[in-house]
Amino acid sequence: MFIDSHCHLDRLDLKPYENDFACLMQHIRAEQIEHLLCISIDLEHYSAMRELVANYDDISITVGVHPNEHEGHEPTVEELIELAKWTERFWVDGKRLHGTEIVAEFEKTTLDELDLMREGS
């Protein structure tokens, strides 16, 4: 059993797969990849990514912003918490993954780092 722990399925060129996401998934499964974690790089494309993989129980998704993405909307912690709540409410694995707790920890860590930066200046 293989798990792809970091992919961007919504960013792939589907031409080699007849422009068909289902065809891509058939190829992935033929390679014995049993689960994929599709990583969100920005909030502008998150909804489309979620819709793309909605019918696939073997694909999990993340919500967030890739650190190398400098264009687009910079989400607030409140926006990330709302998206995490959505995930916990409507996605079968959402509660198990504790998204709101992860965002809260992110907020705490970020604020602590900012305080350290102020102290160092």
PDB file of N, CA and C in Angstrom:
ATOM      1  N   MET A   1       0.843  -1.177   0.000  1.00  0.00           N
ATOM      2  CA  MET A   1       0.000   0.000   0.000  1.00  0.00           C
ATOM      3  C   MET A   1       0.888   1.240   0.000  1.00  0.00           C
ATOM      4  N   PHE A   2       0.563   2.181  -0.880  1.00  0.00           N
ATOM      5  CA  PHE A   2       1.285   3.443  -0.935  1.00  0.00           C
ATOM      6  C   PHE A   2       0.319   4.584  -0.656  1.00  0.00           C
ATOM      7  N   ILE A   3       0.834   5.618  -0.027  1.00  0.00           N
ATOM      8  CA  ILE A   3       0.080   6.839   0.230  1.00  0.00           C
ATOM      9  C   ILE A   3       0.894   7.999  -0.311  1.00  0.00           C
ATOM     10  N   ASP A   4       0.262   8.831  -1.114  1.00  0.00           N
ATOM     11  CA  ASP A   4       0.907  10.058  -1.574  1.00  0.00           C
ATOM     12  C   ASP A   4       0.552  11.122  -0.547  1.00  0.00           C
ATOM     13  N   SER A   5       1.514  11.517   0.244  1.00  0.00           N
ATOM     14  CA  SER A   5       1.248  12.410   1.371  1.00  0.00           C
ATOM     15  C   SER A   5       1.339  13.889   1.015  1.00  0.00           C
ATOM     16  N   HIS A   6       1.603  14.201  -0.247  1.00  0.00           N
ATOM     17  CA  HIS A   6       1.661  15.613  -0.641  1.00  0.00           C
ATOM     18  C   HIS A   6       1.547  15.706  -2.157  1.00  0.00           C
ATOM     19  N   CYS A   7       0.344  16.032  -2.611  1.00  0.00           N
ATOM     20  CA  CYS A   7       0.147  16.199  -4.047  1.00  0.00           C
ATOM     21  C   CYS A   7      -0.760  17.398  -4.300  1.00  0.00           C
ATOM     22  N   HIS A   8      -0.783  17.816  -5.545  1.00  0.00           N
ATOM     23  CA  HIS A   8      -1.613  18.938  -5.981  1.00  0.00           C
ATOM     24  C   HIS A   8      -2.446  18.466  -7.171  1.00  0.00           C
ATOM     25  N   LEU A   9      -3.423  17.631  -6.900  1.00  0.00           N
ATOM     26  CA  LEU A   9      -4.219  17.027  -7.959  1.00  0.00           C
ATOM     27  C   LEU A   9      -4.973  18.058  -8.781  1.00  0.00           C
ATOM     28  N   ASP A  10      -5.286  19.177  -8.181  1.00  0.00           N
ATOM     29  CA  ASP A  10      -6.017  20.217  -8.894  1.00  0.00           C
ATOM     30  C   ASP A  10      -5.117  21.045  -9.807  1.00  0.00           C
ATOM     31  N   ARG A  11      -3.820  20.797  -9.789  1.00  0.00           N
ATOM     32  CA  ARG A  11      -2.867  21.548 -10.607  1.00  0.00           C
ATOM     33  C   ARG A  11      -2.281  20.717 -11.738  1.00  0.00           C
ATOM     34  N   LEU A  12      -2.731  19.488 -11.886  1.00  0.00           N
ATOM     35  CA  LEU A  12      -2.157  18.595 -12.886  1.00  0.00           C
ATOM     36  C   LEU A  12      -2.694  18.875 -14.283  1.00  0.00           C
ATOM     37  N   ASP A  13      -1.852  18.642 -15.261  1.00  0.00           N
ATOM     38  CA  ASP A  13      -2.255  18.670 -16.664  1.00  0.00           C
ATOM     39  C   ASP A  13      -2.897  17.318 -16.964  1.00  0.00           C
ATOM     40  N   LEU A  14      -4.165  17.317 -17.251  1.00  0.00           N
ATOM     41  CA  LEU A  14      -4.895  16.065 -17.472  1.00  0.00           C
ATOM     42  C   LEU A  14      -4.854  15.580 -18.924  1.00  0.00           C
ATOM     43  N   LYS A  15      -4.126  16.252 -19.796  1.00  0.00           N
ATOM     44  CA  LYS A  15      -4.061  15.839 -21.208  1.00  0.00           C
ATOM     45  C   LYS A  15      -3.632  14.381 -21.369  1.00  0.00           C
ATOM     46  N   PRO A  16      -2.620  13.909 -20.626  1.00  0.00           N
ATOM     47  CA  PRO A  16      -2.243  12.495 -20.782  1.00  0.00           C
ATOM     48  C   PRO A  16      -3.327  11.517 -20.316  1.00  0.00           C
ATOM     49  N   TYR A  17      -4.363  12.038 -19.641  1.00  0.00           N
ATOM     50  CA  TYR A  17      -5.437  11.201 -19.100  1.00  0.00           C
ATOM     51  C   TYR A  17      -6.766  11.558 -19.759  1.00  0.00           C
ATOM     52  N   GLU A  18      -6.687  11.924 -21.047  1.00  0.00           N
ATOM     53  CA  GLU A  18      -7.878  12.249 -21.833  1.00  0.00           C
ATOM     54  C   GLU A  18      -8.669  13.405 -21.222  1.00  0.00           C
ATOM     55  N   ASN A  19      -7.957  14.293 -20.492  1.00  0.00           N
ATOM     56  CA  ASN A  19      -8.585  15.418 -19.792  1.00  0.00           C
ATOM     57  C   ASN A  19      -9.683  14.961 -18.844  1.00  0.00           C
ATOM     58  N   ASP A  20      -9.477  13.795 -18.254  1.00  0.00           N
ATOM     59  CA  ASP A  20     -10.490  13.175 -17.400  1.00  0.00           C
ATOM     60  C   ASP A  20      -9.875  12.817 -16.047  1.00  0.00           C
ATOM     61  N   PHE A  21     -10.345  13.464 -14.996  1.00  0.00           N
ATOM     62  CA  PHE A  21      -9.816  13.216 -13.659  1.00  0.00           C
ATOM     63  C   PHE A  21     -10.029  11.761 -13.229  1.00  0.00           C
ATOM     64  N   ALA A  22     -11.162  11.188 -13.597  1.00  0.00           N
ATOM     65  CA  ALA A  22     -11.435   9.789 -13.252  1.00  0.00           C
ATOM     66  C   ALA A  22     -10.413   8.853 -13.895  1.00  0.00           C
ATOM     67  N   CYS A  23     -10.004   9.176 -15.099  1.00  0.00           N
ATOM     68  CA  CYS A  23      -8.976   8.385 -15.793  1.00  0.00           C
ATOM     69  C   CYS A  23      -7.646   8.489 -15.040  1.00  0.00           C
ATOM     70  N   LEU A  24      -7.291   9.696 -14.606  1.00  0.00           N
ATOM     71  CA  LEU A  24      -6.092   9.877 -13.779  1.00  0.00           C
ATOM     72  C   LEU A  24      -6.168   8.994 -12.545  1.00  0.00           C
ATOM     73  N   MET A  25      -7.306   8.997 -11.880  1.00  0.00           N
ATOM     74  CA  MET A  25      -7.448   8.206 -10.660  1.00  0.00           C
ATOM     75  C   MET A  25      -7.326   6.708 -10.941  1.00  0.00           C
ATOM     76  N   GLN A  26      -7.786   6.254 -12.097  1.00  0.00           N
ATOM     77  CA  GLN A  26      -7.605   4.845 -12.463  1.00  0.00           C
ATOM     78  C   GLN A  26      -6.120   4.523 -12.580  1.00  0.00           C
ATOM     79  N   HIS A  27      -5.349   5.404 -13.197  1.00  0.00           N
ATOM     80  CA  HIS A  27      -3.907   5.201 -13.321  1.00  0.00           C
ATOM     81  C   HIS A  27      -3.229   5.198 -11.948  1.00  0.00           C
ATOM     82  N   ILE A  28      -3.647   6.100 -11.091  1.00  0.00           N
ATOM     83  CA  ILE A  28      -3.070   6.171  -9.745  1.00  0.00           C
ATOM     84  C   ILE A  28      -3.331   4.873  -8.998  1.00  0.00           C
ATOM     85  N   ARG A  29      -4.542   4.401  -9.051  1.00  0.00           N
ATOM     86  CA  ARG A  29      -4.893   3.149  -8.354  1.00  0.00           C
ATOM     87  C   ARG A  29      -4.158   1.950  -8.944  1.00  0.00           C
ATOM     88  N   ALA A  30      -3.927   1.968 -10.246  1.00  0.00           N
ATOM     89  CA  ALA A  30      -3.179   0.877 -10.889  1.00  0.00           C
ATOM     90  C   ALA A  30      -1.743   0.819 -10.379  1.00  0.00           C
ATOM     91  N   GLU A  31      -1.242   1.927  -9.887  1.00  0.00           N
ATOM     92  CA  GLU A  31       0.118   1.981  -9.315  1.00  0.00           C
ATOM     93  C   GLU A  31       0.115   1.657  -7.822  1.00  0.00           C
ATOM     94  N   GLN A  32      -1.007   1.159  -7.320  1.00  0.00           N
ATOM     95  CA  GLN A  32      -1.174   0.732  -5.933  1.00  0.00           C
ATOM     96  C   GLN A  32      -1.086   1.880  -4.930  1.00  0.00           C
ATOM     97  N   ILE A  33      -1.421   3.078  -5.372  1.00  0.00           N
ATOM     98  CA  ILE A  33      -1.522   4.202  -4.454  1.00  0.00           C
ATOM     99  C   ILE A  33      -2.948   4.198  -3.922  1.00  0.00           C
ATOM    100  N   GLU A  34      -3.066   3.990  -2.618  1.00  0.00           N
ATOM    101  CA  GLU A  34      -4.386   3.787  -2.036  1.00  0.00           C
ATOM    102  C   GLU A  34      -4.976   5.027  -1.387  1.00  0.00           C
ATOM    103  N   HIS A  35      -4.162   6.020  -1.126  1.00  0.00           N
ATOM    104  CA  HIS A  35      -4.697   7.257  -0.558  1.00  0.00           C
ATOM    105  C   HIS A  35      -3.808   8.421  -0.968  1.00  0.00           C
ATOM    106  N   LEU A  36      -4.425   9.581  -1.123  1.00  0.00           N
ATOM    107  CA  LEU A  36      -3.695  10.784  -1.519  1.00  0.00           C
ATOM    108  C   LEU A  36      -4.097  11.938  -0.600  1.00  0.00           C
ATOM    109  N   LEU A  37      -3.141  12.800  -0.311  1.00  0.00           N
ATOM    110  CA  LEU A  37      -3.410  14.021   0.438  1.00  0.00           C
ATOM    111  C   LEU A  37      -3.164  15.191  -0.505  1.00  0.00           C
ATOM    112  N   CYS A  38      -4.237  15.818  -0.930  1.00  0.00           N
ATOM    113  CA  CYS A  38      -4.171  16.929  -1.869  1.00  0.00           C
ATOM    114  C   CYS A  38      -4.030  18.226  -1.075  1.00  0.00           C
ATOM    115  N   ILE A  39      -2.951  18.945  -1.326  1.00  0.00           N
ATOM    116  CA  ILE A  39      -2.581  20.129  -0.546  1.00  0.00           C
ATOM    117  C   ILE A  39      -3.095  21.391  -1.235  1.00  0.00           C
ATOM    118  N   SER A  40      -3.815  22.201  -0.478  1.00  0.00           N
ATOM    119  CA  SER A  40      -4.288  23.489  -0.972  1.00  0.00           C
ATOM    120  C   SER A  40      -3.138  24.485  -0.969  1.00  0.00           C
ATOM    121  N   ILE A  41      -3.040  25.285  -2.046  1.00  0.00           N
ATOM    122  CA  ILE A  41      -1.980  26.299  -2.063  1.00  0.00           C
ATOM    123  C   ILE A  41      -2.513  27.707  -1.852  1.00  0.00           C
ATOM    124  N   ASP A  42      -3.834  27.882  -2.046  1.00  0.00           N
ATOM    125  CA  ASP A  42      -4.424  29.193  -1.785  1.00  0.00           C
ATOM    126  C   ASP A  42      -5.932  29.026  -1.603  1.00  0.00           C
ATOM    127  N   LEU A  43      -6.546  30.040  -1.053  1.00  0.00           N
ATOM    128  CA  LEU A  43      -7.985  29.963  -0.807  1.00  0.00           C
ATOM    129  C   LEU A  43      -8.799  30.173  -2.078  1.00  0.00           C
ATOM    130  N   GLU A  44      -8.234  30.856  -3.050  1.00  0.00           N
ATOM    131  CA  GLU A  44      -8.965  31.104  -4.288  1.00  0.00           C
ATOM    132  C   GLU A  44      -9.310  29.804  -5.025  1.00  0.00           C
ATOM    133  N   HIS A  45      -8.489  28.785  -4.909  1.00  0.00           N
ATOM    134  CA  HIS A  45      -8.712  27.527  -5.619  1.00  0.00           C
ATOM    135  C   HIS A  45      -9.218  26.407  -4.711  1.00  0.00           C
ATOM    136  N   TYR A  46      -9.386  26.688  -3.431  1.00  0.00           N
ATOM    137  CA  TYR A  46      -9.764  25.639  -2.473  1.00  0.00           C
ATOM    138  C   TYR A  46     -11.122  25.010  -2.805  1.00  0.00           C
ATOM    139  N   SER A  47     -12.132  25.832  -3.068  1.00  0.00           N
ATOM    140  CA  SER A  47     -13.475  25.286  -3.338  1.00  0.00           C
ATOM    141  C   SER A  47     -13.479  24.385  -4.569  1.00  0.00           C
ATOM    142  N   ALA A  48     -12.790  24.813  -5.617  1.00  0.00           N
ATOM    143  CA  ALA A  48     -12.725  23.998  -6.839  1.00  0.00           C
ATOM    144  C   ALA A  48     -11.995  22.687  -6.567  1.00  0.00           C
ATOM    145  N   MET A  49     -10.927  22.747  -5.760  1.00  0.00           N
ATOM    146  CA  MET A  49     -10.192  21.530  -5.407  1.00  0.00           C
ATOM    147  C   MET A  49     -11.104  20.582  -4.625  1.00  0.00           C
ATOM    148  N   ARG A  50     -11.832  21.148  -3.666  1.00  0.00           N
ATOM    149  CA  ARG A  50     -12.737  20.341  -2.845  1.00  0.00           C
ATOM    150  C   ARG A  50     -13.792  19.667  -3.718  1.00  0.00           C
ATOM    151  N   GLU A  51     -14.350  20.406  -4.665  1.00  0.00           N
ATOM    152  CA  GLU A  51     -15.356  19.833  -5.566  1.00  0.00           C
ATOM    153  C   GLU A  51     -14.757  18.747  -6.458  1.00  0.00           C
ATOM    154  N   LEU A  52     -13.532  18.961  -6.925  1.00  0.00           N
ATOM    155  CA  LEU A  52     -12.869  17.998  -7.803  1.00  0.00           C
ATOM    156  C   LEU A  52     -12.735  16.631  -7.145  1.00  0.00           C
ATOM    157  N   VAL A  53     -12.429  16.603  -5.868  1.00  0.00           N
ATOM    158  CA  VAL A  53     -12.143  15.341  -5.178  1.00  0.00           C
ATOM    159  C   VAL A  53     -13.294  14.862  -4.298  1.00  0.00           C
ATOM    160  N   ALA A  54     -14.419  15.562  -4.314  1.00  0.00           N
ATOM    161  CA  ALA A  54     -15.525  15.280  -3.392  1.00  0.00           C
ATOM    162  C   ALA A  54     -16.026  13.841  -3.450  1.00  0.00           C
ATOM    163  N   ASN A  55     -15.984  13.220  -4.598  1.00  0.00           N
ATOM    164  CA  ASN A  55     -16.533  11.866  -4.738  1.00  0.00           C
ATOM    165  C   ASN A  55     -15.503  10.761  -4.533  1.00  0.00           C
ATOM    166  N   TYR A  56     -14.335  11.130  -4.033  1.00  0.00           N
ATOM    167  CA  TYR A  56     -13.251  10.160  -3.875  1.00  0.00           C
ATOM    168  C   TYR A  56     -12.895  10.020  -2.395  1.00  0.00           C
ATOM    169  N   ASP A  57     -13.298   8.915  -1.809  1.00  0.00           N
ATOM    170  CA  ASP A  57     -12.998   8.672  -0.397  1.00  0.00           C
ATOM    171  C   ASP A  57     -11.516   8.441  -0.145  1.00  0.00           C
ATOM    172  N   ASP A  58     -10.769   8.153  -1.202  1.00  0.00           N
ATOM    173  CA  ASP A  58      -9.342   7.885  -1.040  1.00  0.00           C
ATOM    174  C   ASP A  58      -8.483   9.137  -1.232  1.00  0.00           C
ATOM    175  N   ILE A  59      -9.126  10.316  -1.231  1.00  0.00           N
ATOM    176  CA  ILE A  59      -8.394  11.584  -1.316  1.00  0.00           C
ATOM    177  C   ILE A  59      -8.792  12.453  -0.129  1.00  0.00           C
ATOM    178  N   SER A  60      -7.811  12.867   0.626  1.00  0.00           N
ATOM    179  CA  SER A  60      -8.014  13.845   1.694  1.00  0.00           C
ATOM    180  C   SER A  60      -7.483  15.180   1.192  1.00  0.00           C
ATOM    181  N   ILE A  61      -7.964  16.259   1.780  1.00  0.00           N
ATOM    182  CA  ILE A  61      -7.528  17.576   1.351  1.00  0.00           C
ATOM    183  C   ILE A  61      -7.088  18.409   2.555  1.00  0.00           C
ATOM    184  N   THR A  62      -6.279  19.407   2.272  1.00  0.00           N
ATOM    185  CA  THR A  62      -5.912  20.373   3.305  1.00  0.00           C
ATOM    186  C   THR A  62      -6.479  21.724   2.904  1.00  0.00           C
ATOM    187  N   VAL A  63      -6.581  22.593   3.874  1.00  0.00           N
ATOM    188  CA  VAL A  63      -6.969  23.968   3.597  1.00  0.00           C
ATOM    189  C   VAL A  63      -5.863  24.860   4.138  1.00  0.00           C
ATOM    190  N   GLY A  64      -5.483  25.833   3.342  1.00  0.00           N
ATOM    191  CA  GLY A  64      -4.428  26.719   3.797  1.00  0.00           C
ATOM    192  C   GLY A  64      -3.776  27.422   2.628  1.00  0.00           C
ATOM    193  N   VAL A  65      -2.657  28.024   2.915  1.00  0.00           N
ATOM    194  CA  VAL A  65      -1.924  28.791   1.929  1.00  0.00           C
ATOM    195  C   VAL A  65      -0.494  28.284   1.892  1.00  0.00           C
ATOM    196  N   HIS A  66      -0.028  27.986   0.699  1.00  0.00           N
ATOM    197  CA  HIS A  66       1.341  27.511   0.533  1.00  0.00           C
ATOM    198  C   HIS A  66       2.300  28.654   0.853  1.00  0.00           C
ATOM    199  N   PRO A  67       3.365  28.387   1.606  1.00  0.00           N
ATOM    200  CA  PRO A  67       4.268  29.475   2.003  1.00  0.00           C
ATOM    201  C   PRO A  67       4.985  30.144   0.838  1.00  0.00           C
ATOM    202  N   ASN A  68       5.045  29.494  -0.315  1.00  0.00           N
ATOM    203  CA  ASN A  68       5.702  30.102  -1.473  1.00  0.00           C
ATOM    204  C   ASN A  68       4.743  30.888  -2.356  1.00  0.00           C
ATOM    205  N   GLU A  69       3.462  30.854  -2.028  1.00  0.00           N
ATOM    206  CA  GLU A  69       2.467  31.599  -2.800  1.00  0.00           C
ATOM    207  C   GLU A  69       2.351  33.004  -2.229  1.00  0.00           C
ATOM    208  N   HIS A  70       2.702  33.988  -3.030  1.00  0.00           N
ATOM    209  CA  HIS A  70       2.680  35.365  -2.556  1.00  0.00           C
ATOM    210  C   HIS A  70       1.558  36.176  -3.176  1.00  0.00           C
ATOM    211  N   GLU A  71       0.872  35.610  -4.143  1.00  0.00           N
ATOM    212  CA  GLU A  71      -0.247  36.300  -4.767  1.00  0.00           C
ATOM    213  C   GLU A  71      -1.535  35.770  -4.184  1.00  0.00           C
ATOM    214  N   GLY A  72      -2.579  36.542  -4.286  1.00  0.00           N
ATOM    215  CA  GLY A  72      -3.874  36.088  -3.802  1.00  0.00           C
ATOM    216  C   GLY A  72      -4.153  36.560  -2.388  1.00  0.00           C
ATOM    217  N   HIS A  73      -5.257  36.108  -1.888  1.00  0.00           N
ATOM    218  CA  HIS A  73      -5.766  36.524  -0.590  1.00  0.00           C
ATOM    219  C   HIS A  73      -4.982  35.854   0.544  1.00  0.00           C
ATOM    220  N   GLU A  74      -4.513  36.633   1.473  1.00  0.00           N
ATOM    221  CA  GLU A  74      -3.855  36.104   2.680  1.00  0.00           C
ATOM    222  C   GLU A  74      -4.948  35.878   3.724  1.00  0.00           C
ATOM    223  N   PRO A  75      -5.235  34.631   4.057  1.00  0.00           N
ATOM    224  CA  PRO A  75      -6.365  34.371   4.961  1.00  0.00           C
ATOM    225  C   PRO A  75      -6.062  34.803   6.391  1.00  0.00           C
ATOM    226  N   THR A  76      -7.109  35.189   7.067  1.00  0.00           N
ATOM    227  CA  THR A  76      -6.993  35.465   8.493  1.00  0.00           C
ATOM    228  C   THR A  76      -7.133  34.142   9.240  1.00  0.00           C
ATOM    229  N   VAL A  77      -6.736  34.138  10.482  1.00  0.00           N
ATOM    230  CA  VAL A  77      -6.908  32.940  11.306  1.00  0.00           C
ATOM    231  C   VAL A  77      -8.395  32.604  11.408  1.00  0.00           C
ATOM    232  N   GLU A  78      -9.242  33.615  11.486  1.00  0.00           N
ATOM    233  CA  GLU A  78     -10.685  33.378  11.588  1.00  0.00           C
ATOM    234  C   GLU A  78     -11.216  32.646  10.347  1.00  0.00           C
ATOM    235  N   GLU A  79     -10.731  33.030   9.171  1.00  0.00           N
ATOM    236  CA  GLU A  79     -11.151  32.345   7.942  1.00  0.00           C
ATOM    237  C   GLU A  79     -10.700  30.890   7.948  1.00  0.00           C
ATOM    238  N   LEU A  80      -9.475  30.650   8.388  1.00  0.00           N
ATOM    239  CA  LEU A  80      -8.972  29.270   8.446  1.00  0.00           C
ATOM    240  C   LEU A  80      -9.774  28.443   9.443  1.00  0.00           C
ATOM    241  N   ILE A  81     -10.152  29.053  10.555  1.00  0.00           N
ATOM    242  CA  ILE A  81     -10.966  28.332  11.550  1.00  0.00           C
ATOM    243  C   ILE A  81     -12.328  27.985  10.964  1.00  0.00           C
ATOM    244  N   GLU A  82     -12.948  28.913  10.234  1.00  0.00           N
ATOM    245  CA  GLU A  82     -14.244  28.626   9.617  1.00  0.00           C
ATOM    246  C   GLU A  82     -14.140  27.481   8.614  1.00  0.00           C
ATOM    247  N   LEU A  83     -13.078  27.467   7.817  1.00  0.00           N
ATOM    248  CA  LEU A  83     -12.885  26.373   6.868  1.00  0.00           C
ATOM    249  C   LEU A  83     -12.623  25.053   7.597  1.00  0.00           C
ATOM    250  N   ALA A  84     -11.881  25.113   8.675  1.00  0.00           N
ATOM    251  CA  ALA A  84     -11.627  23.901   9.471  1.00  0.00           C
ATOM    252  C   ALA A  84     -12.925  23.388  10.078  1.00  0.00           C
ATOM    253  N   LYS A  85     -13.775  24.287  10.536  1.00  0.00           N
ATOM    254  CA  LYS A  85     -15.077  23.878  11.088  1.00  0.00           C
ATOM    255  C   LYS A  85     -15.912  23.198  10.008  1.00  0.00           C
ATOM    256  N   TRP A  86     -15.890  23.757   8.785  1.00  0.00           N
ATOM    257  CA  TRP A  86     -16.620  23.147   7.680  1.00  0.00           C
ATOM    258  C   TRP A  86     -16.127  21.726   7.462  1.00  0.00           C
ATOM    259  N   THR A  87     -14.805  21.573   7.460  1.00  0.00           N
ATOM    260  CA  THR A  87     -14.200  20.262   7.246  1.00  0.00           C
ATOM    261  C   THR A  87     -14.645  19.289   8.334  1.00  0.00           C
ATOM    262  N   GLU A  88     -14.637  19.741   9.578  1.00  0.00           N
ATOM    263  CA  GLU A  88     -15.032  18.872  10.687  1.00  0.00           C
ATOM    264  C   GLU A  88     -16.507  18.498  10.612  1.00  0.00           C
ATOM    265  N   ARG A  89     -17.317  19.376  10.068  1.00  0.00           N
ATOM    266  CA  ARG A  89     -18.762  19.150  10.014  1.00  0.00           C
ATOM    267  C   ARG A  89     -19.162  18.239   8.863  1.00  0.00           C
ATOM    268  N   PHE A  90     -18.534  18.403   7.697  1.00  0.00           N
ATOM    269  CA  PHE A  90     -19.035  17.738   6.495  1.00  0.00           C
ATOM    270  C   PHE A  90     -18.139  16.669   5.910  1.00  0.00           C
ATOM    271  N   TRP A  91     -16.949  16.507   6.395  1.00  0.00           N
ATOM    272  CA  TRP A  91     -16.039  15.523   5.829  1.00  0.00           C
ATOM    273  C   TRP A  91     -15.901  14.363   6.802  1.00  0.00           C
ATOM    274  N   VAL A  92     -15.938  13.162   6.302  1.00  0.00           N
ATOM    275  CA  VAL A  92     -15.969  11.975   7.149  1.00  0.00           C
ATOM    276  C   VAL A  92     -14.774  11.903   8.109  1.00  0.00           C
ATOM    277  N   ASP A  93     -13.593  12.318   7.690  1.00  0.00           N
ATOM    278  CA  ASP A  93     -12.419  12.286   8.564  1.00  0.00           C
ATOM    279  C   ASP A  93     -12.157  13.616   9.264  1.00  0.00           C
ATOM    280  N   GLY A  94     -12.991  14.591   9.031  1.00  0.00           N
ATOM    281  CA  GLY A  94     -12.745  15.932   9.548  1.00  0.00           C
ATOM    282  C   GLY A  94     -12.591  16.020  11.051  1.00  0.00           C
ATOM    283  N   LYS A  95     -13.473  15.380  11.796  1.00  0.00           N
ATOM    284  CA  LYS A  95     -13.398  15.439  13.264  1.00  0.00           C
ATOM    285  C   LYS A  95     -12.141  14.763  13.779  1.00  0.00           C
ATOM    286  N   ARG A  96     -11.789  13.671  13.162  1.00  0.00           N
ATOM    287  CA  ARG A  96     -10.607  12.916  13.599  1.00  0.00           C
ATOM    288  C   ARG A  96      -9.320  13.727  13.433  1.00  0.00           C
ATOM    289  N   LEU A  97      -9.289  14.632  12.455  1.00  0.00           N
ATOM    290  CA  LEU A  97      -8.074  15.379  12.165  1.00  0.00           C
ATOM    291  C   LEU A  97      -7.925  16.660  12.982  1.00  0.00           C
ATOM    292  N   HIS A  98      -8.980  17.070  13.675  1.00  0.00           N
ATOM    293  CA  HIS A  98      -8.908  18.211  14.612  1.00  0.00           C
ATOM    294  C   HIS A  98      -8.396  19.495  13.953  1.00  0.00           C
ATOM    295  N   GLY A  99      -9.006  19.877  12.839  1.00  0.00           N
ATOM    296  CA  GLY A  99      -8.563  21.050  12.091  1.00  0.00           C
ATOM    297  C   GLY A  99      -8.595  22.343  12.892  1.00  0.00           C
ATOM    298  N   THR A 100      -9.650  22.553  13.681  1.00  0.00           N
ATOM    299  CA  THR A 100      -9.718  23.807  14.443  1.00  0.00           C
ATOM    300  C   THR A 100      -8.602  23.874  15.475  1.00  0.00           C
ATOM    301  N   GLU A 101      -8.248  22.738  16.041  1.00  0.00           N
ATOM    302  CA  GLU A 101      -7.138  22.728  17.000  1.00  0.00           C
ATOM    303  C   GLU A 101      -5.810  23.027  16.303  1.00  0.00           C
ATOM    304  N   ILE A 102      -5.646  22.528  15.106  1.00  0.00           N
ATOM    305  CA  ILE A 102      -4.416  22.779  14.354  1.00  0.00           C
ATOM    306  C   ILE A 102      -4.301  24.264  14.022  1.00  0.00           C
ATOM    307  N   VAL A 103      -5.409  24.881  13.591  1.00  0.00           N
ATOM    308  CA  VAL A 103      -5.379  26.309  13.274  1.00  0.00           C
ATOM    309  C   VAL A 103      -5.088  27.121  14.536  1.00  0.00           C
ATOM    310  N   ALA A 104      -5.698  26.732  15.656  1.00  0.00           N
ATOM    311  CA  ALA A 104      -5.440  27.443  16.913  1.00  0.00           C
ATOM    312  C   ALA A 104      -3.965  27.334  17.302  1.00  0.00           C
ATOM    313  N   GLU A 105      -3.376  26.178  17.101  1.00  0.00           N
ATOM    314  CA  GLU A 105      -1.953  25.998  17.397  1.00  0.00           C
ATOM    315  C   GLU A 105      -1.094  26.843  16.452  1.00  0.00           C
ATOM    316  N   PHE A 106      -1.507  26.908  15.196  1.00  0.00           N
ATOM    317  CA  PHE A 106      -0.818  27.763  14.221  1.00  0.00           C
ATOM    318  C   PHE A 106      -0.845  29.218  14.686  1.00  0.00           C
ATOM    319  N   GLU A 107      -2.028  29.659  15.122  1.00  0.00           N
ATOM    320  CA  GLU A 107      -2.161  31.043  15.585  1.00  0.00           C
ATOM    321  C   GLU A 107      -1.252  31.299  16.780  1.00  0.00           C
ATOM    322  N   LYS A 108      -1.246  30.389  17.729  1.00  0.00           N
ATOM    323  CA  LYS A 108      -0.409  30.543  18.929  1.00  0.00           C
ATOM    324  C   LYS A 108       1.076  30.596  18.548  1.00  0.00           C
ATOM    325  N   THR A 109       1.493  29.676  17.688  1.00  0.00           N
ATOM    326  CA  THR A 109       2.891  29.630  17.264  1.00  0.00           C
ATOM    327  C   THR A 109       3.275  30.901  16.527  1.00  0.00           C
ATOM    328  N   THR A 110       2.395  31.353  15.627  1.00  0.00           N
ATOM    329  CA  THR A 110       2.677  32.567  14.870  1.00  0.00           C
ATOM    330  C   THR A 110       2.807  33.772  15.789  1.00  0.00           C
ATOM    331  N   LEU A 111       1.899  33.903  16.739  1.00  0.00           N
ATOM    332  CA  LEU A 111       1.968  35.035  17.664  1.00  0.00           C
ATOM    333  C   LEU A 111       3.219  34.964  18.525  1.00  0.00           C
ATOM    334  N   ASP A 112       3.579  33.758  18.973  1.00  0.00           N
ATOM    335  CA  ASP A 112       4.799  33.602  19.762  1.00  0.00           C
ATOM    336  C   ASP A 112       6.021  34.014  18.954  1.00  0.00           C
ATOM    337  N   GLU A 113       6.060  33.620  17.665  1.00  0.00           N
ATOM    338  CA  GLU A 113       7.189  33.991  16.820  1.00  0.00           C
ATOM    339  C   GLU A 113       7.252  35.496  16.637  1.00  0.00           C
ATOM    340  N   LEU A 114       6.105  36.119  16.483  1.00  0.00           N
ATOM    341  CA  LEU A 114       6.102  37.580  16.330  1.00  0.00           C
ATOM    342  C   LEU A 114       6.619  38.254  17.600  1.00  0.00           C
ATOM    343  N   ASP A 115       6.229  37.724  18.759  1.00  0.00           N
ATOM    344  CA  ASP A 115       6.740  38.287  20.016  1.00  0.00           C
ATOM    345  C   ASP A 115       8.251  38.122  20.104  1.00  0.00           C
ATOM    346  N   LEU A 116       8.770  36.968  19.696  1.00  0.00           N
ATOM    347  CA  LEU A 116      10.203  36.752  19.715  1.00  0.00           C
ATOM    348  C   LEU A 116      10.920  37.714  18.769  1.00  0.00           C
ATOM    349  N   MET A 117      10.286  38.002  17.642  1.00  0.00           N
ATOM    350  CA  MET A 117      10.889  38.931  16.694  1.00  0.00           C
ATOM    351  C   MET A 117      10.937  40.340  17.295  1.00  0.00           C
ATOM    352  N   ARG A 118       9.883  40.742  18.021  1.00  0.00           N
ATOM    353  CA  ARG A 118       9.897  42.056  18.674  1.00  0.00           C
ATOM    354  C   ARG A 118      10.966  42.114  19.750  1.00  0.00           C
ATOM    355  N   GLU A 119      11.090  41.032  20.507  1.00  0.00           N
ATOM    356  CA  GLU A 119      12.086  41.004  21.583  1.00  0.00           C
ATOM    357  C   GLU A 119      13.496  41.086  21.027  1.00  0.00           C
ATOM    358  N   GLY A 120      13.721  40.477  19.842  1.00  0.00           N
ATOM    359  CA  GLY A 120      15.048  40.461  19.265  1.00  0.00           C
ATOM    360  C   GLY A 120      15.459  41.772  18.605  1.00  0.00           C
ATOM    361  N   SER A 121      14.501  42.675  18.391  1.00  0.00           N
ATOM    362  CA  SER A 121      14.863  43.928  17.704  1.00  0.00           C
ATOM    363  C   SER A 121      15.252  45.037  18.664  1.00  0.00           C
TER     364      SER A 121
END
